[in-house]
Amino acid sequence: MRNYFTITISDVQGARHYSFKQFVRKFVWVLIALFLTIWTVGGISIWWLSYAANEIEARHEASVQAYNEGLILARHDYEALLSEKTTIKQELEVASSQLAFLDQALQGLEELVGERPDADSELALEERVKNVQLSSLGKSLMLDMVPSGPAVAEYRGLTSQYGRRKHPITGKKHLHGGIDYRAKKGVSVIATADGVVKYSANSKDSGFGNLVTLVHANGLKTRYGHLSKRTVKVGEFVRKGDKIGEVGSTGRSSGAHLHYEVWFLYHRLNPKPFNDWSIEKYDDIFTKIKGVPWGSLAQAVDSRVKKVEKQLLLKGAPLVVK
């Protein structure tokens, strides 16, 4: 019976005996050992899997947090780019508006100085500005060299024009060789062009009283009569706009005014077109005043402008015109 073992089960009905071989007993123990081994390995596996899952979950949470932080940073960068885009757009709109304004202003200057580029012209802005500056420089030189504008500081119109008229004192008709400015006594009389004082004295024989005569370039001269006061002396150089005297009523005069004359060589010219001459009406005088070699004068001015341009280009300096 060594190869058998007995299991007894008792209850109210009595006892029952079951006999098994030792192999079955060993099998049962093997099953129990196998179960314990599986349970132990399963427990260890479950613990390792739980640990690994926790590690994965932690890394996942860290990744999600990093992603969220990156998303927030990207959103901030995007908002900053949008803000910068809006700022740049506004700056571009302002710059475009300023450029359009400058272009319109430049067109106005081009029309003013007679520079009218073709509609299909593709000249750069710098080239257009340079052309306007050179044209302005030439015309400014011409307006400084040749008498232009009113001869009184406070222009209030004319009382007498150039031509034949009845003299207000003698009553006889004769050529009135200049124009008379309406002005109060003491108003400043100014040079209408750069020049040198040729005469500054009381001219009793001419009837102009205190008289100043200026000689200008290219054979032109101007005379200023009936002055109450002369402020320049013979030989002085004066610039256009400089004060040379004050309005008065000396000589044969019926009241305070300025008598103004313009001469070319030995010929009187009508001073009215010179009085009205300005850069806005630059071309008018060339058709209204005959007997002056405007072509050669313009060539001389153009030569001076080109010389100035060449000197500035050699120095690398920009043109600047008043």
C-alpha atoms as a PDB file:
ATOM      1  CA  MET A   1       0.000   0.000   0.000  1.00  0.00           C
ATOM      2  CA  ARG A   2       3.008   2.298  -0.097  1.00  0.00           C
ATOM      3  CA  ASN A   3       2.078   3.435  -3.567  1.00  0.00           C
ATOM      4  CA  TYR A   4      -1.347   4.559  -2.332  1.00  0.00           C
ATOM      5  CA  PHE A   5      -2.604   7.194  -0.011  1.00  0.00           C
ATOM      6  CA  THR A   6      -6.075   7.477   1.497  1.00  0.00           C
ATOM      7  CA  ILE A   7      -8.277  10.575   1.890  1.00  0.00           C
ATOM      8  CA  THR A   8     -11.130  10.211   4.384  1.00  0.00           C
ATOM      9  CA  ILE A   9     -14.166  12.451   4.197  1.00  0.00           C
ATOM     10  CA  SER A  10     -16.630  12.279   7.098  1.00  0.00           C
ATOM     11  CA  ASP A  11     -20.176  13.623   7.246  1.00  0.00           C
ATOM     12  CA  VAL A  12     -23.466  12.728   9.010  1.00  0.00           C
ATOM     13  CA  GLN A  13     -23.947   9.781   6.820  1.00  0.00           C
ATOM     14  CA  GLY A  14     -20.647   8.355   7.763  1.00  0.00           C
ATOM     15  CA  ALA A  15     -17.094   8.318   6.531  1.00  0.00           C
ATOM     16  CA  ARG A  16     -15.900   7.765   3.069  1.00  0.00           C
ATOM     17  CA  HIS A  17     -12.446   6.686   2.154  1.00  0.00           C
ATOM     18  CA  TYR A  18     -10.758   7.401  -1.124  1.00  0.00           C
ATOM     19  CA  SER A  19      -7.496   5.791  -2.033  1.00  0.00           C
ATOM     20  CA  PHE A  20      -5.113   7.326  -4.566  1.00  0.00           C
ATOM     21  CA  LYS A  21      -1.782   6.359  -5.841  1.00  0.00           C
ATOM     22  CA  GLN A  22       1.306   8.346  -4.830  1.00  0.00           C
ATOM     23  CA  PHE A  23       1.611   9.606  -8.418  1.00  0.00           C
ATOM     24  CA  VAL A  24      -1.614  11.497  -8.096  1.00  0.00           C
ATOM     25  CA  ARG A  25      -0.336  13.059  -4.882  1.00  0.00           C
ATOM     26  CA  LYS A  26       2.849  14.157  -6.574  1.00  0.00           C
ATOM     27  CA  PHE A  27       0.813  15.489  -9.483  1.00  0.00           C
ATOM     28  CA  VAL A  28      -1.284  17.536  -7.120  1.00  0.00           C
ATOM     29  CA  TRP A  29       1.814  18.988  -5.480  1.00  0.00           C
ATOM     30  CA  VAL A  30       3.245  19.782  -8.887  1.00  0.00           C
ATOM     31  CA  LEU A  31       0.026  21.529  -9.806  1.00  0.00           C
ATOM     32  CA  ILE A  32       0.143  23.479  -6.548  1.00  0.00           C
ATOM     33  CA  ALA A  33       3.803  24.389  -7.147  1.00  0.00           C
ATOM     34  CA  LEU A  34       3.022  25.317 -10.728  1.00  0.00           C
ATOM     35  CA  PHE A  35       0.122  27.477  -9.574  1.00  0.00           C
ATOM     36  CA  LEU A  36       2.296  29.210  -7.002  1.00  0.00           C
ATOM     37  CA  THR A  37       5.001  29.752  -9.583  1.00  0.00           C
ATOM     38  CA  ILE A  38       2.521  31.140 -12.083  1.00  0.00           C
ATOM     39  CA  TRP A  39       0.953  33.322  -9.377  1.00  0.00           C
ATOM     40  CA  THR A  40       4.370  34.604  -8.304  1.00  0.00           C
ATOM     41  CA  VAL A  41       5.512  35.260 -11.867  1.00  0.00           C
ATOM     42  CA  GLY A  42       2.164  36.846 -12.675  1.00  0.00           C
ATOM     43  CA  GLY A  43       2.402  39.078  -9.635  1.00  0.00           C
ATOM     44  CA  ILE A  44       5.910  40.119 -10.530  1.00  0.00           C
ATOM     45  CA  SER A  45       4.819  40.702 -14.145  1.00  0.00           C
ATOM     46  CA  ILE A  46       1.819  42.680 -13.062  1.00  0.00           C
ATOM     47  CA  TRP A  47       4.045  44.816 -10.780  1.00  0.00           C
ATOM     48  CA  TRP A  48       6.573  45.389 -13.579  1.00  0.00           C
ATOM     49  CA  LEU A  49       3.825  46.188 -16.063  1.00  0.00           C
ATOM     50  CA  SER A  50       2.278  48.600 -13.555  1.00  0.00           C
ATOM     51  CA  TYR A  51       5.655  50.220 -12.989  1.00  0.00           C
ATOM     52  CA  ALA A  52       6.276  50.455 -16.728  1.00  0.00           C
ATOM     53  CA  ALA A  53       2.788  51.855 -17.241  1.00  0.00           C
ATOM     54  CA  ASN A  54       3.430  54.477 -14.567  1.00  0.00           C
ATOM     55  CA  GLU A  55       6.717  55.379 -16.237  1.00  0.00           C
ATOM     56  CA  ILE A  56       4.987  55.635 -19.608  1.00  0.00           C
ATOM     57  CA  GLU A  57       2.205  57.678 -18.060  1.00  0.00           C
ATOM     58  CA  ALA A  58       4.762  60.018 -16.450  1.00  0.00           C
ATOM     59  CA  ARG A  59       6.608  60.426 -19.732  1.00  0.00           C
ATOM     60  CA  HIS A  60       3.301  60.935 -21.484  1.00  0.00           C
ATOM     61  CA  GLU A  61       2.288  63.614 -18.998  1.00  0.00           C
ATOM     62  CA  ALA A  62       5.718  65.275 -19.391  1.00  0.00           C
ATOM     63  CA  SER A  63       5.341  65.123 -23.172  1.00  0.00           C
ATOM     64  CA  VAL A  64       1.835  66.572 -22.976  1.00  0.00           C
ATOM     65  CA  GLN A  65       3.066  69.323 -20.670  1.00  0.00           C
ATOM     66  CA  ALA A  66       5.996  70.101 -22.981  1.00  0.00           C
ATOM     67  CA  TYR A  67       3.631  70.070 -25.953  1.00  0.00           C
ATOM     68  CA  ASN A  68       1.229  72.423 -24.188  1.00  0.00           C
ATOM     69  CA  GLU A  69       4.081  74.719 -23.219  1.00  0.00           C
ATOM     70  CA  GLY A  70       5.376  74.637 -26.792  1.00  0.00           C
ATOM     71  CA  LEU A  71       1.852  75.300 -28.049  1.00  0.00           C
ATOM     72  CA  ILE A  72       1.517  78.291 -25.718  1.00  0.00           C
ATOM     73  CA  LEU A  73       4.932  79.594 -26.833  1.00  0.00           C
ATOM     74  CA  ALA A  74       4.016  79.042 -30.472  1.00  0.00           C
ATOM     75  CA  ARG A  75       0.729  80.893 -29.888  1.00  0.00           C
ATOM     76  CA  HIS A  76       2.615  83.787 -28.288  1.00  0.00           C
ATOM     77  CA  ASP A  77       5.075  83.820 -31.212  1.00  0.00           C
ATOM     78  CA  TYR A  78       2.175  83.721 -33.669  1.00  0.00           C
ATOM     79  CA  GLU A  79       0.431  86.585 -31.906  1.00  0.00           C
ATOM     80  CA  ALA A  80       3.730  88.521 -31.869  1.00  0.00           C
ATOM     81  CA  LEU A  81       4.153  87.855 -35.605  1.00  0.00           C
ATOM     82  CA  LEU A  82       0.593  88.996 -36.241  1.00  0.00           C
ATOM     83  CA  SER A  83       1.245  92.163 -34.235  1.00  0.00           C
ATOM     84  CA  GLU A  84       4.520  92.745 -36.094  1.00  0.00           C
ATOM     85  CA  LYS A  85       2.755  92.080 -39.401  1.00  0.00           C
ATOM     86  CA  THR A  86       0.095  94.643 -38.507  1.00  0.00           C
ATOM     87  CA  THR A  87       2.772  97.158 -37.504  1.00  0.00           C
ATOM     88  CA  ILE A  88       4.751  96.571 -40.716  1.00  0.00           C
ATOM     89  CA  LYS A  89       1.549  96.836 -42.760  1.00  0.00           C
ATOM     90  CA  GLN A  90       0.710 100.143 -41.091  1.00  0.00           C
ATOM     91  CA  GLU A  91       4.265 101.397 -41.647  1.00  0.00           C
ATOM     92  CA  LEU A  92       4.076 100.329 -45.298  1.00  0.00           C
ATOM     93  CA  GLU A  93       0.753 102.137 -45.686  1.00  0.00           C
ATOM     94  CA  VAL A  94       2.258 105.273 -44.114  1.00  0.00           C
ATOM     95  CA  ALA A  95       5.373 104.953 -46.299  1.00  0.00           C
ATOM     96  CA  SER A  96       3.224 104.408 -49.405  1.00  0.00           C
ATOM     97  CA  SER A  97       1.125 107.431 -48.494  1.00  0.00           C
ATOM     98  CA  GLN A  98       4.259 109.520 -47.934  1.00  0.00           C
ATOM     99  CA  LEU A  99       5.764 108.264 -51.186  1.00  0.00           C
ATOM    100  CA  ALA A 100       2.572 109.137 -53.066  1.00  0.00           C
ATOM    101  CA  PHE A 101       2.591 112.594 -51.449  1.00  0.00           C
ATOM    102  CA  LEU A 102       6.270 113.088 -52.323  1.00  0.00           C
ATOM    103  CA  ASP A 103       5.605 111.961 -55.874  1.00  0.00           C
ATOM    104  CA  GLN A 104       2.746 114.467 -56.193  1.00  0.00           C
ATOM    105  CA  ALA A 105       4.916 117.169 -54.637  1.00  0.00           C
ATOM    106  CA  LEU A 106       7.734 116.283 -57.014  1.00  0.00           C
ATOM    107  CA  GLN A 107       5.333 116.433 -59.949  1.00  0.00           C
ATOM    108  CA  GLY A 108       4.267 119.881 -58.768  1.00  0.00           C
ATOM    109  CA  LEU A 109       7.901 120.971 -58.581  1.00  0.00           C
ATOM    110  CA  GLU A 110       8.558 119.478 -62.017  1.00  0.00           C
ATOM    111  CA  GLU A 111       5.664 121.453 -63.452  1.00  0.00           C
ATOM    112  CA  LEU A 112       6.843 124.556 -61.595  1.00  0.00           C
ATOM    113  CA  VAL A 113      10.357 124.446 -63.020  1.00  0.00           C
ATOM    114  CA  GLY A 114       9.285 123.166 -66.439  1.00  0.00           C
ATOM    115  CA  GLU A 115      10.514 119.583 -66.031  1.00  0.00           C
ATOM    116  CA  ARG A 116       7.774 117.389 -67.498  1.00  0.00           C
ATOM    117  CA  PRO A 117       8.947 113.771 -67.841  1.00  0.00           C
ATOM    118  CA  ASP A 118       7.032 111.534 -70.260  1.00  0.00           C
ATOM    119  CA  ALA A 119       4.258 109.406 -68.844  1.00  0.00           C
ATOM    120  CA  ASP A 120       6.186 106.290 -69.897  1.00  0.00           C
ATOM    121  CA  SER A 121       9.413 107.566 -68.365  1.00  0.00           C
ATOM    122  CA  GLU A 122      10.971 105.232 -65.807  1.00  0.00           C
ATOM    123  CA  LEU A 123      13.407 107.690 -64.273  1.00  0.00           C
ATOM    124  CA  ALA A 124      14.338 106.872 -60.707  1.00  0.00           C
ATOM    125  CA  LEU A 125      13.116 109.208 -57.984  1.00  0.00           C
ATOM    126  CA  GLU A 126      16.684 110.333 -57.291  1.00  0.00           C
ATOM    127  CA  GLU A 127      17.170 111.208 -60.969  1.00  0.00           C
ATOM    128  CA  ARG A 128      13.915 113.163 -61.070  1.00  0.00           C
ATOM    129  CA  VAL A 129      14.890 115.060 -57.916  1.00  0.00           C
ATOM    130  CA  LYS A 130      18.310 115.786 -59.412  1.00  0.00           C
ATOM    131  CA  ASN A 131      16.726 117.129 -62.622  1.00  0.00           C
ATOM    132  CA  VAL A 132      14.379 119.347 -60.599  1.00  0.00           C
ATOM    133  CA  GLN A 133      17.292 120.608 -58.504  1.00  0.00           C
ATOM    134  CA  LEU A 134      19.405 121.397 -61.560  1.00  0.00           C
ATOM    135  CA  SER A 135      16.512 123.110 -63.306  1.00  0.00           C
ATOM    136  CA  SER A 136      15.696 125.051 -60.135  1.00  0.00           C
ATOM    137  CA  LEU A 137      19.359 125.979 -59.759  1.00  0.00           C
ATOM    138  CA  GLY A 138      19.525 127.313 -63.319  1.00  0.00           C
ATOM    139  CA  LYS A 139      16.332 129.301 -62.971  1.00  0.00           C
ATOM    140  CA  SER A 140      17.355 130.614 -59.553  1.00  0.00           C
ATOM    141  CA  LEU A 141      20.650 131.796 -61.041  1.00  0.00           C
ATOM    142  CA  MET A 142      18.810 133.482 -63.900  1.00  0.00           C
ATOM    143  CA  LEU A 143      16.363 135.179 -61.530  1.00  0.00           C
ATOM    144  CA  ASP A 144      19.277 136.400 -59.401  1.00  0.00           C
ATOM    145  CA  MET A 145      21.261 137.688 -62.388  1.00  0.00           C
ATOM    146  CA  VAL A 146      18.369 139.338 -64.236  1.00  0.00           C
ATOM    147  CA  PRO A 147      16.031 141.874 -62.571  1.00  0.00           C
ATOM    148  CA  SER A 148      12.886 140.121 -61.356  1.00  0.00           C
ATOM    149  CA  GLY A 149      10.099 140.768 -58.895  1.00  0.00           C
ATOM    150  CA  PRO A 150       8.948 144.003 -57.229  1.00  0.00           C
ATOM    151  CA  ALA A 151      11.501 146.670 -56.286  1.00  0.00           C
ATOM    152  CA  VAL A 152       9.744 147.506 -53.002  1.00  0.00           C
ATOM    153  CA  ALA A 153       9.536 145.364 -49.882  1.00  0.00           C
ATOM    154  CA  GLU A 154       5.782 145.958 -49.520  1.00  0.00           C
ATOM    155  CA  TYR A 155       4.278 145.582 -52.983  1.00  0.00           C
ATOM    156  CA  ARG A 156       0.894 147.328 -53.226  1.00  0.00           C
ATOM    157  CA  GLY A 157       0.581 147.694 -56.969  1.00  0.00           C
ATOM    158  CA  LEU A 158       1.531 150.347 -59.543  1.00  0.00           C
ATOM    159  CA  THR A 159       0.370 153.910 -60.009  1.00  0.00           C
ATOM    160  CA  SER A 160       1.833 154.450 -63.472  1.00  0.00           C
ATOM    161  CA  GLN A 161       2.847 152.141 -66.309  1.00  0.00           C
ATOM    162  CA  TYR A 162       5.653 152.300 -68.865  1.00  0.00           C
ATOM    163  CA  GLY A 163       4.886 154.339 -72.036  1.00  0.00           C
ATOM    164  CA  ARG A 164       3.787 157.766 -73.193  1.00  0.00           C
ATOM    165  CA  ARG A 165       1.743 159.726 -70.690  1.00  0.00           C
ATOM    166  CA  LYS A 166       0.961 163.237 -69.484  1.00  0.00           C
ATOM    167  CA  HIS A 167       3.466 164.339 -66.872  1.00  0.00           C
ATOM    168  CA  PRO A 168       1.661 165.047 -63.562  1.00  0.00           C
ATOM    169  CA  ILE A 169       3.733 168.227 -62.945  1.00  0.00           C
ATOM    170  CA  THR A 170       4.627 169.680 -66.359  1.00  0.00           C
ATOM    171  CA  GLY A 171       1.412 168.550 -68.010  1.00  0.00           C
ATOM    172  CA  LYS A 172       3.308 167.659 -71.189  1.00  0.00           C
ATOM    173  CA  LYS A 173       3.169 164.262 -72.892  1.00  0.00           C
ATOM    174  CA  HIS A 174       6.404 162.362 -72.952  1.00  0.00           C
ATOM    175  CA  LEU A 175       7.762 158.824 -72.585  1.00  0.00           C
ATOM    176  CA  HIS A 176       7.474 157.520 -69.073  1.00  0.00           C
ATOM    177  CA  GLY A 177      10.556 155.309 -69.123  1.00  0.00           C
ATOM    178  CA  GLY A 178       9.680 153.157 -66.132  1.00  0.00           C
ATOM    179  CA  ILE A 179       6.928 152.134 -63.742  1.00  0.00           C
ATOM    180  CA  ASP A 180       5.833 153.825 -60.513  1.00  0.00           C
ATOM    181  CA  TYR A 181       5.175 151.762 -57.375  1.00  0.00           C
ATOM    182  CA  ARG A 182       2.431 152.726 -54.949  1.00  0.00           C
ATOM    183  CA  ALA A 183       4.202 152.911 -51.578  1.00  0.00           C
ATOM    184  CA  LYS A 184       4.362 154.952 -48.405  1.00  0.00           C
ATOM    185  CA  LYS A 185       7.355 157.100 -47.546  1.00  0.00           C
ATOM    186  CA  GLY A 186      10.060 155.106 -45.765  1.00  0.00           C
ATOM    187  CA  VAL A 187       9.183 151.706 -47.281  1.00  0.00           C
ATOM    188  CA  SER A 188      12.346 149.752 -48.149  1.00  0.00           C
ATOM    189  CA  VAL A 189      13.516 149.786 -51.756  1.00  0.00           C
ATOM    190  CA  ILE A 190      15.302 146.527 -52.701  1.00  0.00           C
ATOM    191  CA  ALA A 191      17.653 145.418 -55.446  1.00  0.00           C
ATOM    192  CA  THR A 192      15.864 143.278 -58.030  1.00  0.00           C
ATOM    193  CA  ALA A 193      19.052 141.419 -59.033  1.00  0.00           C
ATOM    194  CA  ASP A 194      22.660 140.943 -57.984  1.00  0.00           C
ATOM    195  CA  GLY A 195      24.744 143.899 -59.064  1.00  0.00           C
ATOM    196  CA  VAL A 196      27.154 146.748 -58.330  1.00  0.00           C
ATOM    197  CA  VAL A 197      26.151 150.289 -57.346  1.00  0.00           C
ATOM    198  CA  LYS A 198      27.100 152.546 -60.272  1.00  0.00           C
ATOM    199  CA  TYR A 199      25.387 155.728 -59.055  1.00  0.00           C
ATOM    200  CA  SER A 200      24.081 156.868 -55.669  1.00  0.00           C
ATOM    201  CA  ALA A 201      23.423 160.589 -55.370  1.00  0.00           C
ATOM    202  CA  ASN A 202      20.877 163.384 -55.666  1.00  0.00           C
ATOM    203  CA  SER A 203      20.343 163.710 -59.410  1.00  0.00           C
ATOM    204  CA  LYS A 204      18.876 167.208 -59.738  1.00  0.00           C
ATOM    205  CA  ASP A 205      19.096 167.375 -63.535  1.00  0.00           C
ATOM    206  CA  SER A 206      17.158 164.142 -64.100  1.00  0.00           C
ATOM    207  CA  GLY A 207      14.292 165.138 -61.848  1.00  0.00           C
ATOM    208  CA  PHE A 208      14.535 161.825 -59.972  1.00  0.00           C
ATOM    209  CA  GLY A 209      15.952 163.381 -56.800  1.00  0.00           C
ATOM    210  CA  ASN A 210      17.814 160.762 -54.804  1.00  0.00           C
ATOM    211  CA  LEU A 211      18.705 158.162 -57.428  1.00  0.00           C
ATOM    212  CA  VAL A 212      20.432 154.771 -57.243  1.00  0.00           C
ATOM    213  CA  THR A 213      21.632 152.933 -60.337  1.00  0.00           C
ATOM    214  CA  LEU A 214      22.733 149.289 -60.267  1.00  0.00           C
ATOM    215  CA  VAL A 215      24.573 147.514 -63.057  1.00  0.00           C
ATOM    216  CA  HIS A 216      23.955 143.791 -63.424  1.00  0.00           C
ATOM    217  CA  ALA A 217      25.486 140.980 -65.429  1.00  0.00           C
ATOM    218  CA  ASN A 218      25.019 140.725 -69.190  1.00  0.00           C
ATOM    219  CA  GLY A 219      24.552 144.464 -69.896  1.00  0.00           C
ATOM    220  CA  LEU A 220      21.467 145.055 -67.739  1.00  0.00           C
ATOM    221  CA  LYS A 221      20.972 147.909 -65.286  1.00  0.00           C
ATOM    222  CA  THR A 222      18.174 149.218 -63.043  1.00  0.00           C
ATOM    223  CA  ARG A 223      17.404 152.715 -61.714  1.00  0.00           C
ATOM    224  CA  TYR A 224      15.501 153.643 -58.533  1.00  0.00           C
ATOM    225  CA  GLY A 225      14.288 157.271 -58.266  1.00  0.00           C
ATOM    226  CA  HIS A 226      12.612 159.734 -55.871  1.00  0.00           C
ATOM    227  CA  LEU A 227      14.168 158.033 -52.823  1.00  0.00           C
ATOM    228  CA  SER A 228      13.899 159.709 -49.454  1.00  0.00           C
ATOM    229  CA  LYS A 229      17.068 157.932 -48.353  1.00  0.00           C
ATOM    230  CA  ARG A 230      19.929 156.082 -50.052  1.00  0.00           C
ATOM    231  CA  THR A 231      21.590 153.251 -48.080  1.00  0.00           C
ATOM    232  CA  VAL A 232      24.318 152.166 -50.538  1.00  0.00           C
ATOM    233  CA  LYS A 233      27.457 153.772 -51.941  1.00  0.00           C
ATOM    234  CA  VAL A 234      29.054 153.645 -55.367  1.00  0.00           C
ATOM    235  CA  GLY A 235      31.080 150.471 -55.886  1.00  0.00           C
ATOM    236  CA  GLU A 236      29.218 148.343 -53.354  1.00  0.00           C
ATOM    237  CA  PHE A 237      28.082 144.874 -54.412  1.00  0.00           C
ATOM    238  CA  VAL A 238      24.473 144.097 -53.551  1.00  0.00           C
ATOM    239  CA  ARG A 239      22.510 140.876 -53.652  1.00  0.00           C
ATOM    240  CA  LYS A 240      18.999 140.474 -54.939  1.00  0.00           C
ATOM    241  CA  GLY A 241      16.659 141.574 -52.137  1.00  0.00           C
ATOM    242  CA  ASP A 242      19.180 143.821 -50.366  1.00  0.00           C
ATOM    243  CA  LYS A 243      17.917 147.180 -49.185  1.00  0.00           C
ATOM    244  CA  ILE A 244      19.345 150.074 -51.238  1.00  0.00           C
ATOM    245  CA  GLY A 245      17.133 152.935 -50.038  1.00  0.00           C
ATOM    246  CA  GLU A 246      13.698 154.079 -48.918  1.00  0.00           C
ATOM    247  CA  VAL A 247      10.655 155.330 -50.811  1.00  0.00           C
ATOM    248  CA  GLY A 248      10.297 159.111 -50.931  1.00  0.00           C
ATOM    249  CA  SER A 249       9.196 162.047 -53.062  1.00  0.00           C
ATOM    250  CA  THR A 250      12.450 163.849 -53.916  1.00  0.00           C
ATOM    251  CA  GLY A 251      12.953 165.523 -57.297  1.00  0.00           C
ATOM    252  CA  ARG A 252       9.996 166.291 -59.549  1.00  0.00           C
ATOM    253  CA  SER A 253       7.373 164.220 -57.788  1.00  0.00           C
ATOM    254  CA  SER A 254       3.763 164.804 -56.807  1.00  0.00           C
ATOM    255  CA  GLY A 255       3.812 162.298 -53.919  1.00  0.00           C
ATOM    256  CA  ALA A 256       5.656 159.442 -52.306  1.00  0.00           C
ATOM    257  CA  HIS A 257       6.345 156.606 -54.752  1.00  0.00           C
ATOM    258  CA  LEU A 258       9.219 154.708 -56.356  1.00  0.00           C
ATOM    259  CA  HIS A 259      10.161 155.248 -59.973  1.00  0.00           C
ATOM    260  CA  TYR A 260      11.808 152.071 -61.359  1.00  0.00           C
ATOM    261  CA  GLU A 261      13.566 151.544 -64.694  1.00  0.00           C
ATOM    262  CA  VAL A 262      15.222 148.588 -66.453  1.00  0.00           C
ATOM    263  CA  TRP A 263      17.825 149.069 -69.212  1.00  0.00           C
ATOM    264  CA  PHE A 264      19.722 146.763 -71.551  1.00  0.00           C
ATOM    265  CA  LEU A 265      22.881 148.505 -72.767  1.00  0.00           C
ATOM    266  CA  TYR A 266      21.517 151.895 -73.937  1.00  0.00           C
ATOM    267  CA  HIS A 267      17.895 150.831 -74.467  1.00  0.00           C
ATOM    268  CA  ARG A 268      15.035 151.225 -72.073  1.00  0.00           C
ATOM    269  CA  LEU A 269      12.897 148.148 -71.436  1.00  0.00           C
ATOM    270  CA  ASN A 270       9.385 147.875 -70.057  1.00  0.00           C
ATOM    271  CA  PRO A 271       9.933 147.011 -66.360  1.00  0.00           C
ATOM    272  CA  LYS A 272       6.448 145.498 -65.939  1.00  0.00           C
ATOM    273  CA  PRO A 273       7.339 142.004 -67.282  1.00  0.00           C
ATOM    274  CA  PHE A 274      10.419 142.027 -65.047  1.00  0.00           C
ATOM    275  CA  ASN A 275       8.247 142.992 -62.063  1.00  0.00           C
ATOM    276  CA  ASP A 276       5.892 140.078 -62.816  1.00  0.00           C
ATOM    277  CA  TRP A 277       8.686 137.606 -63.560  1.00  0.00           C
ATOM    278  CA  SER A 278       8.975 134.624 -61.203  1.00  0.00           C
ATOM    279  CA  ILE A 279       9.803 130.951 -61.352  1.00  0.00           C
ATOM    280  CA  GLU A 280       6.073 130.208 -61.697  1.00  0.00           C
ATOM    281  CA  LYS A 281       5.930 132.407 -64.840  1.00  0.00           C
ATOM    282  CA  TYR A 282       9.458 131.751 -65.939  1.00  0.00           C
ATOM    283  CA  ASP A 283       8.945 131.588 -69.719  1.00  0.00           C
ATOM    284  CA  ASP A 284       6.728 134.682 -70.017  1.00  0.00           C
ATOM    285  CA  ILE A 285       9.505 137.249 -70.135  1.00  0.00           C
ATOM    286  CA  PHE A 286      11.272 135.615 -73.099  1.00  0.00           C
ATOM    287  CA  THR A 287       8.314 136.410 -75.352  1.00  0.00           C
ATOM    288  CA  LYS A 288       7.334 139.753 -73.769  1.00  0.00           C
ATOM    289  CA  ILE A 289      10.773 141.397 -73.784  1.00  0.00           C
ATOM    290  CA  LYS A 290      12.524 141.714 -77.135  1.00  0.00           C
ATOM    291  CA  GLY A 291      16.049 142.953 -77.765  1.00  0.00           C
ATOM    292  CA  VAL A 292      17.739 140.907 -75.017  1.00  0.00           C
ATOM    293  CA  PRO A 293      19.845 137.905 -76.145  1.00  0.00           C
ATOM    294  CA  TRP A 294      18.024 135.445 -73.929  1.00  0.00           C
ATOM    295  CA  GLY A 295      19.494 132.447 -75.770  1.00  0.00           C
ATOM    296  CA  SER A 296      23.113 133.298 -75.040  1.00  0.00           C
ATOM    297  CA  LEU A 297      22.207 134.281 -71.478  1.00  0.00           C
ATOM    298  CA  ALA A 298      20.479 130.935 -70.946  1.00  0.00           C
ATOM    299  CA  GLN A 299      23.513 129.131 -72.355  1.00  0.00           C
ATOM    300  CA  ALA A 300      25.790 130.975 -69.942  1.00  0.00           C
ATOM    301  CA  VAL A 301      23.552 130.010 -67.008  1.00  0.00           C
ATOM    302  CA  ASP A 302      23.370 126.405 -68.220  1.00  0.00           C
ATOM    303  CA  SER A 303      27.157 126.299 -68.410  1.00  0.00           C
ATOM    304  CA  ARG A 304      27.402 127.496 -64.808  1.00  0.00           C
ATOM    305  CA  VAL A 305      24.860 124.864 -63.698  1.00  0.00           C
ATOM    306  CA  LYS A 306      26.811 122.072 -65.399  1.00  0.00           C
ATOM    307  CA  LYS A 307      30.002 123.302 -63.762  1.00  0.00           C
ATOM    308  CA  VAL A 308      28.318 123.253 -60.349  1.00  0.00           C
ATOM    309  CA  GLU A 309      26.913 119.779 -61.041  1.00  0.00           C
ATOM    310  CA  LYS A 310      30.339 118.486 -62.051  1.00  0.00           C
ATOM    311  CA  GLN A 311      31.966 119.932 -58.922  1.00  0.00           C
ATOM    312  CA  LEU A 312      29.308 118.407 -56.676  1.00  0.00           C
ATOM    313  CA  LEU A 313      29.595 115.017 -58.357  1.00  0.00           C
ATOM    314  CA  LEU A 314      33.360 115.063 -57.861  1.00  0.00           C
ATOM    315  CA  LYS A 315      32.847 115.845 -54.173  1.00  0.00           C
ATOM    316  CA  GLY A 316      30.001 113.348 -53.834  1.00  0.00           C
ATOM    317  CA  ALA A 317      27.785 116.041 -52.343  1.00  0.00           C
ATOM    318  CA  PRO A 318      24.008 116.307 -52.957  1.00  0.00           C
ATOM    319  CA  LEU A 319      22.537 119.292 -54.731  1.00  0.00           C
ATOM    320  CA  VAL A 320      20.773 121.780 -52.478  1.00  0.00           C
ATOM    321  CA  VAL A 321      18.701 124.594 -53.945  1.00  0.00           C
ATOM    322  CA  LYS A 322      16.855 127.310 -52.086  1.00  0.00           C
END
